[in-house]
């Protein structure tokens, strides 16, 4: 495995994303956000769109988990849903490409099994991360052969809406780590340093933290709400 990828073992990956409706939406700003994350001790970055990734690469030499978020009218899947998004990401070559690996059908009624096979055929050497929402989906992605299994979508899909990633001491992560052959990356609702430390103790390879570091509007809201 690439030395850069080995460096993220037991370390923090910071998600630097701002969608078009958000105040910090700008590749320039995300590049600086990644630099700030690196200065703070991050060992990897998760980023959305080839434009943001290209800019981030001018600022930091850290491994990048790349995604493209895009809505399609015939599917609930929006994290790297089709080969179009994979091809876009391959233009900027992130070390890892993450994609929705839930049981939800992709645009054109494509299953995760079909899509995974299609990607592997076209880009056999690209490292892939499965963004999952249930233990079953994670173990299926593990069987398919994803290089990294992520808990990114726990609580965000119909089939996982009653699940919480941190409930009962990160029980979901424990189960996935216990049964997976591939590296597990903990992501989703990890909003304190203590939680980040805990998931690594439970066997996660790395931990991705996003909003609580990189979305000032949400951080501000948590303080403002406390004063109401």
C-alpha atoms as a PDB file:
ATOM      1  CA  UNK A   1       0.000   0.000   0.000  1.00  0.00           C
ATOM      2  CA  UNK A   2       1.091   3.553  -0.791  1.00  0.00           C
ATOM      3  CA  UNK A   3       3.143   5.164   2.007  1.00  0.00           C
ATOM      4  CA  UNK A   4       0.729   8.128   2.083  1.00  0.00           C
ATOM      5  CA  UNK A   5      -2.155   5.748   2.775  1.00  0.00           C
ATOM      6  CA  UNK A   6      -0.198   3.929   5.473  1.00  0.00           C
ATOM      7  CA  UNK A   7       0.314   7.327   7.132  1.00  0.00           C
ATOM      8  CA  UNK A   8      -3.423   7.720   7.812  1.00  0.00           C
ATOM      9  CA  UNK A   9      -3.490   4.662  10.086  1.00  0.00           C
ATOM     10  CA  UNK A  10      -4.739   5.765  13.497  1.00  0.00           C
ATOM     11  CA  UNK A  11      -4.908   9.380  12.311  1.00  0.00           C
ATOM     12  CA  UNK A  12      -7.404  12.121  11.547  1.00  0.00           C
ATOM     13  CA  UNK A  13      -8.854  12.818   8.096  1.00  0.00           C
ATOM     14  CA  UNK A  14     -10.648  16.150   7.801  1.00  0.00           C
ATOM     15  CA  UNK A  15     -13.593  16.534   5.446  1.00  0.00           C
ATOM     16  CA  UNK A  16     -13.292  19.897   3.650  1.00  0.00           C
ATOM     17  CA  UNK A  17     -16.562  20.382   1.808  1.00  0.00           C
ATOM     18  CA  UNK A  18     -18.932  23.254   1.159  1.00  0.00           C
ATOM     19  CA  UNK A  19     -21.942  22.767  -1.092  1.00  0.00           C
ATOM     20  CA  UNK A  20     -23.202  25.507  -3.462  1.00  0.00           C
ATOM     21  CA  UNK A  21     -25.752  26.848  -0.935  1.00  0.00           C
ATOM     22  CA  UNK A  22     -23.158  27.174   1.857  1.00  0.00           C
ATOM     23  CA  UNK A  23     -21.218  30.356   2.727  1.00  0.00           C
ATOM     24  CA  UNK A  24     -17.749  28.824   2.248  1.00  0.00           C
ATOM     25  CA  UNK A  25     -18.493  27.273  -1.171  1.00  0.00           C
ATOM     26  CA  UNK A  26     -15.273  27.943  -3.110  1.00  0.00           C
ATOM     27  CA  UNK A  27     -12.375  25.802  -4.256  1.00  0.00           C
ATOM     28  CA  UNK A  28      -9.987  28.512  -3.062  1.00  0.00           C
ATOM     29  CA  UNK A  29     -11.476  28.417   0.443  1.00  0.00           C
ATOM     30  CA  UNK A  30     -11.468  24.607   0.558  1.00  0.00           C
ATOM     31  CA  UNK A  31      -7.785  24.655  -0.396  1.00  0.00           C
ATOM     32  CA  UNK A  32      -7.056  26.938   2.548  1.00  0.00           C
ATOM     33  CA  UNK A  33      -9.300  24.849   4.779  1.00  0.00           C
ATOM     34  CA  UNK A  34      -7.225  21.789   3.898  1.00  0.00           C
ATOM     35  CA  UNK A  35      -4.035  23.701   4.683  1.00  0.00           C
ATOM     36  CA  UNK A  36      -5.464  24.725   8.063  1.00  0.00           C
ATOM     37  CA  UNK A  37      -6.429  21.089   8.699  1.00  0.00           C
ATOM     38  CA  UNK A  38      -2.887  19.970   7.884  1.00  0.00           C
ATOM     39  CA  UNK A  39      -1.419  22.593  10.212  1.00  0.00           C
ATOM     40  CA  UNK A  40      -3.728  21.275  12.923  1.00  0.00           C
ATOM     41  CA  UNK A  41      -2.460  17.718  12.490  1.00  0.00           C
ATOM     42  CA  UNK A  42      -4.703  16.104   9.871  1.00  0.00           C
ATOM     43  CA  UNK A  43      -3.115  13.284   7.890  1.00  0.00           C
ATOM     44  CA  UNK A  44      -5.712  13.157   5.104  1.00  0.00           C
ATOM     45  CA  UNK A  45      -8.510  15.176   3.474  1.00  0.00           C
ATOM     46  CA  UNK A  46     -11.949  14.196   2.175  1.00  0.00           C
ATOM     47  CA  UNK A  47     -13.160  16.525  -0.580  1.00  0.00           C
ATOM     48  CA  UNK A  48     -16.015  16.971  -3.044  1.00  0.00           C
ATOM     49  CA  UNK A  49     -15.576  17.789  -6.782  1.00  0.00           C
ATOM     50  CA  UNK A  50     -12.561  17.665  -9.061  1.00  0.00           C
ATOM     51  CA  UNK A  51     -12.229  21.459  -8.830  1.00  0.00           C
ATOM     52  CA  UNK A  52     -11.873  21.451  -5.043  1.00  0.00           C
ATOM     53  CA  UNK A  53      -9.482  18.495  -5.144  1.00  0.00           C
ATOM     54  CA  UNK A  54      -7.269  20.153  -7.764  1.00  0.00           C
ATOM     55  CA  UNK A  55      -7.028  23.286  -5.582  1.00  0.00           C
ATOM     56  CA  UNK A  56      -6.434  21.292  -2.381  1.00  0.00           C
ATOM     57  CA  UNK A  57      -3.532  19.503  -4.099  1.00  0.00           C
ATOM     58  CA  UNK A  58      -1.831  22.869  -4.666  1.00  0.00           C
ATOM     59  CA  UNK A  59      -1.936  23.508  -0.912  1.00  0.00           C
ATOM     60  CA  UNK A  60      -1.229  20.162   0.789  1.00  0.00           C
ATOM     61  CA  UNK A  61       0.512  16.906  -0.013  1.00  0.00           C
ATOM     62  CA  UNK A  62      -1.900  14.705   1.921  1.00  0.00           C
ATOM     63  CA  UNK A  63      -3.865  11.699   0.675  1.00  0.00           C
ATOM     64  CA  UNK A  64      -7.322  12.698  -0.529  1.00  0.00           C
ATOM     65  CA  UNK A  65     -10.587  10.786  -0.400  1.00  0.00           C
ATOM     66  CA  UNK A  66     -12.440  12.191  -3.394  1.00  0.00           C
ATOM     67  CA  UNK A  67     -16.181  12.247  -4.012  1.00  0.00           C
ATOM     68  CA  UNK A  68     -18.657  14.019  -6.258  1.00  0.00           C
ATOM     69  CA  UNK A  69     -22.050  14.775  -4.767  1.00  0.00           C
ATOM     70  CA  UNK A  70     -24.696  14.966  -7.473  1.00  0.00           C
ATOM     71  CA  UNK A  71     -28.459  14.525  -7.439  1.00  0.00           C
ATOM     72  CA  UNK A  72     -30.232  12.405 -10.036  1.00  0.00           C
ATOM     73  CA  UNK A  73     -34.024  12.404 -10.294  1.00  0.00           C
ATOM     74  CA  UNK A  74     -34.304   8.609 -10.466  1.00  0.00           C
ATOM     75  CA  UNK A  75     -32.120   7.721  -7.467  1.00  0.00           C
ATOM     76  CA  UNK A  76     -31.540   8.514  -3.786  1.00  0.00           C
ATOM     77  CA  UNK A  77     -27.813   7.920  -4.272  1.00  0.00           C
ATOM     78  CA  UNK A  78     -25.860  11.189  -4.437  1.00  0.00           C
ATOM     79  CA  UNK A  79     -22.266  10.365  -3.413  1.00  0.00           C
ATOM     80  CA  UNK A  80     -20.398   9.501  -6.635  1.00  0.00           C
ATOM     81  CA  UNK A  81     -23.518   7.920  -8.180  1.00  0.00           C
ATOM     82  CA  UNK A  82     -22.367   7.059 -11.742  1.00  0.00           C
ATOM     83  CA  UNK A  83     -19.314   6.468 -13.914  1.00  0.00           C
ATOM     84  CA  UNK A  84     -19.493  10.133 -14.994  1.00  0.00           C
ATOM     85  CA  UNK A  85     -18.446  11.168 -11.463  1.00  0.00           C
ATOM     86  CA  UNK A  86     -15.767   8.471 -11.276  1.00  0.00           C
ATOM     87  CA  UNK A  87     -14.290   9.706 -14.577  1.00  0.00           C
ATOM     88  CA  UNK A  88     -14.290  13.311 -13.298  1.00  0.00           C
ATOM     89  CA  UNK A  89     -12.432  12.272 -10.163  1.00  0.00           C
ATOM     90  CA  UNK A  90      -9.896  10.269 -12.152  1.00  0.00           C
ATOM     91  CA  UNK A  91      -8.907  13.513 -13.900  1.00  0.00           C
ATOM     92  CA  UNK A  92      -7.449  14.716 -10.582  1.00  0.00           C
ATOM     93  CA  UNK A  93      -6.493  11.279  -9.235  1.00  0.00           C
ATOM     94  CA  UNK A  94      -7.391  11.311  -5.523  1.00  0.00           C
ATOM     95  CA  UNK A  95      -5.670   8.486  -3.655  1.00  0.00           C
ATOM     96  CA  UNK A  96      -9.067   7.045  -2.694  1.00  0.00           C
ATOM     97  CA  UNK A  97     -12.459   7.450  -4.366  1.00  0.00           C
ATOM     98  CA  UNK A  98     -15.478   7.093  -2.080  1.00  0.00           C
ATOM     99  CA  UNK A  99     -18.945   6.196  -3.282  1.00  0.00           C
ATOM    100  CA  UNK A 100     -22.347   5.326  -1.878  1.00  0.00           C
ATOM    101  CA  UNK A 101     -22.281   1.558  -1.334  1.00  0.00           C
ATOM    102  CA  UNK A 102     -25.743   1.262   0.182  1.00  0.00           C
ATOM    103  CA  UNK A 103     -28.435  -1.103  -1.063  1.00  0.00           C
ATOM    104  CA  UNK A 104     -30.190   1.832  -2.776  1.00  0.00           C
ATOM    105  CA  UNK A 105     -30.282   1.587  -6.570  1.00  0.00           C
ATOM    106  CA  UNK A 106     -28.162   4.041  -8.513  1.00  0.00           C
ATOM    107  CA  UNK A 107     -29.376   6.090 -11.499  1.00  0.00           C
ATOM    108  CA  UNK A 108     -30.660   3.744 -14.211  1.00  0.00           C
ATOM    109  CA  UNK A 109     -31.489   1.093 -11.580  1.00  0.00           C
ATOM    110  CA  UNK A 110     -27.843   0.005 -11.318  1.00  0.00           C
ATOM    111  CA  UNK A 111     -26.964  -2.056  -8.222  1.00  0.00           C
ATOM    112  CA  UNK A 112     -23.831  -1.519  -6.143  1.00  0.00           C
ATOM    113  CA  UNK A 113     -22.550  -4.918  -7.354  1.00  0.00           C
ATOM    114  CA  UNK A 114     -22.878  -3.868 -11.003  1.00  0.00           C
ATOM    115  CA  UNK A 115     -21.327  -0.453 -10.405  1.00  0.00           C
ATOM    116  CA  UNK A 116     -18.414  -1.851  -8.405  1.00  0.00           C
ATOM    117  CA  UNK A 117     -17.622  -4.343 -11.202  1.00  0.00           C
ATOM    118  CA  UNK A 118     -17.793  -1.534 -13.777  1.00  0.00           C
ATOM    119  CA  UNK A 119     -15.343   0.657 -11.840  1.00  0.00           C
ATOM    120  CA  UNK A 120     -12.906  -2.198 -11.203  1.00  0.00           C
ATOM    121  CA  UNK A 121     -12.928  -3.087 -14.899  1.00  0.00           C
ATOM    122  CA  UNK A 122     -12.142   0.480 -16.003  1.00  0.00           C
ATOM    123  CA  UNK A 123      -9.818   1.509 -13.150  1.00  0.00           C
ATOM    124  CA  UNK A 124      -8.437  -1.722 -11.627  1.00  0.00           C
ATOM    125  CA  UNK A 125      -5.746  -0.029  -9.528  1.00  0.00           C
ATOM    126  CA  UNK A 126      -7.842   2.750  -7.974  1.00  0.00           C
ATOM    127  CA  UNK A 127      -8.429   2.496  -4.210  1.00  0.00           C
ATOM    128  CA  UNK A 128     -12.143   2.586  -3.392  1.00  0.00           C
ATOM    129  CA  UNK A 129     -14.039   3.423  -0.200  1.00  0.00           C
ATOM    130  CA  UNK A 130     -17.582   2.210   0.448  1.00  0.00           C
ATOM    131  CA  UNK A 131     -19.869   4.750   2.133  1.00  0.00           C
ATOM    132  CA  UNK A 132     -22.342   2.505   3.972  1.00  0.00           C
ATOM    133  CA  UNK A 133     -25.375   2.984   6.228  1.00  0.00           C
ATOM    134  CA  UNK A 134     -25.845  -0.414   7.898  1.00  0.00           C
ATOM    135  CA  UNK A 135     -23.685  -3.275   9.144  1.00  0.00           C
ATOM    136  CA  UNK A 136     -25.116  -5.495   6.381  1.00  0.00           C
ATOM    137  CA  UNK A 137     -24.160  -3.010   3.653  1.00  0.00           C
ATOM    138  CA  UNK A 138     -20.664  -2.649   5.112  1.00  0.00           C
ATOM    139  CA  UNK A 139     -20.092  -6.405   5.177  1.00  0.00           C
ATOM    140  CA  UNK A 140     -21.440  -6.724   1.624  1.00  0.00           C
ATOM    141  CA  UNK A 141     -19.025  -4.005   0.444  1.00  0.00           C
ATOM    142  CA  UNK A 142     -16.243  -5.845   2.250  1.00  0.00           C
ATOM    143  CA  UNK A 143     -17.136  -9.042   0.370  1.00  0.00           C
ATOM    144  CA  UNK A 144     -17.233  -7.170  -2.946  1.00  0.00           C
ATOM    145  CA  UNK A 145     -13.641  -6.063  -2.307  1.00  0.00           C
ATOM    146  CA  UNK A 146     -13.741  -2.356  -1.440  1.00  0.00           C
ATOM    147  CA  UNK A 147     -10.351  -1.288  -0.014  1.00  0.00           C
ATOM    148  CA  UNK A 148     -11.954   0.782   2.753  1.00  0.00           C
ATOM    149  CA  UNK A 149     -15.324   0.433   4.458  1.00  0.00           C
ATOM    150  CA  UNK A 150     -16.861   3.650   5.785  1.00  0.00           C
ATOM    151  CA  UNK A 151     -19.739   4.335   8.163  1.00  0.00           C
ATOM    152  CA  UNK A 152     -20.456   7.622   6.379  1.00  0.00           C
ATOM    153  CA  UNK A 153     -24.172   7.142   5.736  1.00  0.00           C
ATOM    154  CA  UNK A 154     -25.360   5.610   9.019  1.00  0.00           C
ATOM    155  CA  UNK A 155     -28.618   7.393   9.891  1.00  0.00           C
ATOM    156  CA  UNK A 156     -28.904   9.074   6.479  1.00  0.00           C
ATOM    157  CA  UNK A 157     -30.799   6.393   4.548  1.00  0.00           C
ATOM    158  CA  UNK A 158     -34.289   4.950   4.885  1.00  0.00           C
ATOM    159  CA  UNK A 159     -32.844   1.614   6.012  1.00  0.00           C
ATOM    160  CA  UNK A 160     -30.657   3.244   8.685  1.00  0.00           C
ATOM    161  CA  UNK A 161     -32.801   6.132   9.914  1.00  0.00           C
ATOM    162  CA  UNK A 162     -33.173   4.576  13.371  1.00  0.00           C
ATOM    163  CA  UNK A 163     -29.460   3.851  13.709  1.00  0.00           C
ATOM    164  CA  UNK A 164     -26.920   6.129  15.352  1.00  0.00           C
ATOM    165  CA  UNK A 165     -23.230   5.623  14.779  1.00  0.00           C
ATOM    166  CA  UNK A 166     -22.233   6.428  18.359  1.00  0.00           C
ATOM    167  CA  UNK A 167     -25.052   4.618  20.202  1.00  0.00           C
ATOM    168  CA  UNK A 168     -23.962   1.923  22.689  1.00  0.00           C
ATOM    169  CA  UNK A 169     -20.302   2.864  22.423  1.00  0.00           C
ATOM    170  CA  UNK A 170     -20.095   2.768  18.624  1.00  0.00           C
ATOM    171  CA  UNK A 171     -21.601  -0.699  18.426  1.00  0.00           C
ATOM    172  CA  UNK A 172     -21.961  -0.457  14.631  1.00  0.00           C
ATOM    173  CA  UNK A 173     -18.254   0.269  14.184  1.00  0.00           C
ATOM    174  CA  UNK A 174     -17.342  -2.570  16.560  1.00  0.00           C
ATOM    175  CA  UNK A 175     -19.408  -5.057  14.540  1.00  0.00           C
ATOM    176  CA  UNK A 176     -18.011  -3.923  11.195  1.00  0.00           C
ATOM    177  CA  UNK A 177     -14.389  -3.937  12.417  1.00  0.00           C
ATOM    178  CA  UNK A 178     -14.860  -7.395  13.908  1.00  0.00           C
ATOM    179  CA  UNK A 179     -16.186  -8.940  10.687  1.00  0.00           C
ATOM    180  CA  UNK A 180     -14.413  -7.001   7.906  1.00  0.00           C
ATOM    181  CA  UNK A 181     -11.312  -8.112   6.046  1.00  0.00           C
ATOM    182  CA  UNK A 182     -10.647  -4.566   4.825  1.00  0.00           C
ATOM    183  CA  UNK A 183      -9.821  -1.361   6.677  1.00  0.00           C
ATOM    184  CA  UNK A 184     -12.735   0.429   8.337  1.00  0.00           C
ATOM    185  CA  UNK A 185     -12.857   4.227   8.280  1.00  0.00           C
ATOM    186  CA  UNK A 186     -15.151   5.718  10.920  1.00  0.00           C
ATOM    187  CA  UNK A 187     -17.135   8.691   9.653  1.00  0.00           C
ATOM    188  CA  UNK A 188     -20.365  10.404  10.623  1.00  0.00           C
ATOM    189  CA  UNK A 189     -21.378  12.295  13.763  1.00  0.00           C
ATOM    190  CA  UNK A 190     -17.914  12.068  15.289  1.00  0.00           C
ATOM    191  CA  UNK A 191     -18.037  15.532  16.750  1.00  0.00           C
ATOM    192  CA  UNK A 192     -15.674  15.468  19.731  1.00  0.00           C
ATOM    193  CA  UNK A 193     -11.974  14.592  20.111  1.00  0.00           C
ATOM    194  CA  UNK A 194     -13.030  11.919  22.616  1.00  0.00           C
ATOM    195  CA  UNK A 195     -15.260  10.157  20.068  1.00  0.00           C
ATOM    196  CA  UNK A 196     -12.480  10.290  17.456  1.00  0.00           C
ATOM    197  CA  UNK A 197     -10.058   8.710  19.914  1.00  0.00           C
ATOM    198  CA  UNK A 198     -12.593   6.059  20.884  1.00  0.00           C
ATOM    199  CA  UNK A 199     -13.252   4.785  17.350  1.00  0.00           C
ATOM    200  CA  UNK A 200      -9.525   4.323  16.770  1.00  0.00           C
ATOM    201  CA  UNK A 201      -9.321   2.387  20.049  1.00  0.00           C
ATOM    202  CA  UNK A 202     -12.137   0.165  18.738  1.00  0.00           C
ATOM    203  CA  UNK A 203     -10.092  -0.753  15.674  1.00  0.00           C
ATOM    204  CA  UNK A 204     -11.016   1.794  13.002  1.00  0.00           C
ATOM    205  CA  UNK A 205      -8.118   2.383  10.603  1.00  0.00           C
ATOM    206  CA  UNK A 206      -8.785   6.147  10.432  1.00  0.00           C
ATOM    207  CA  UNK A 207     -11.438   8.626  11.409  1.00  0.00           C
ATOM    208  CA  UNK A 208     -13.047  11.303   9.231  1.00  0.00           C
ATOM    209  CA  UNK A 209     -14.323  14.444  10.946  1.00  0.00           C
ATOM    210  CA  UNK A 210     -16.128  17.141   8.985  1.00  0.00           C
ATOM    211  CA  UNK A 211     -18.758  19.670  10.055  1.00  0.00           C
ATOM    212  CA  UNK A 212     -17.505  20.228  13.590  1.00  0.00           C
ATOM    213  CA  UNK A 213     -14.178  21.391  12.132  1.00  0.00           C
ATOM    214  CA  UNK A 214     -15.032  22.866   8.736  1.00  0.00           C
ATOM    215  CA  UNK A 215     -18.605  24.220   8.821  1.00  0.00           C
ATOM    216  CA  UNK A 216     -18.515  27.409  10.915  1.00  0.00           C
ATOM    217  CA  UNK A 217     -22.236  28.068  10.440  1.00  0.00           C
ATOM    218  CA  UNK A 218     -23.066  24.782  12.216  1.00  0.00           C
ATOM    219  CA  UNK A 219     -20.477  25.308  14.947  1.00  0.00           C
ATOM    220  CA  UNK A 220     -21.886  28.823  15.548  1.00  0.00           C
ATOM    221  CA  UNK A 221     -25.432  27.452  15.655  1.00  0.00           C
ATOM    222  CA  UNK A 222     -24.533  24.983  18.424  1.00  0.00           C
ATOM    223  CA  UNK A 223     -23.302  27.875  20.582  1.00  0.00           C
ATOM    224  CA  UNK A 224     -26.213  30.172  19.665  1.00  0.00           C
ATOM    225  CA  UNK A 225     -28.763  27.415  20.390  1.00  0.00           C
ATOM    226  CA  UNK A 226     -27.229  26.824  23.809  1.00  0.00           C
ATOM    227  CA  UNK A 227     -27.893  30.459  24.699  1.00  0.00           C
ATOM    228  CA  UNK A 228     -31.558  30.432  23.700  1.00  0.00           C
END
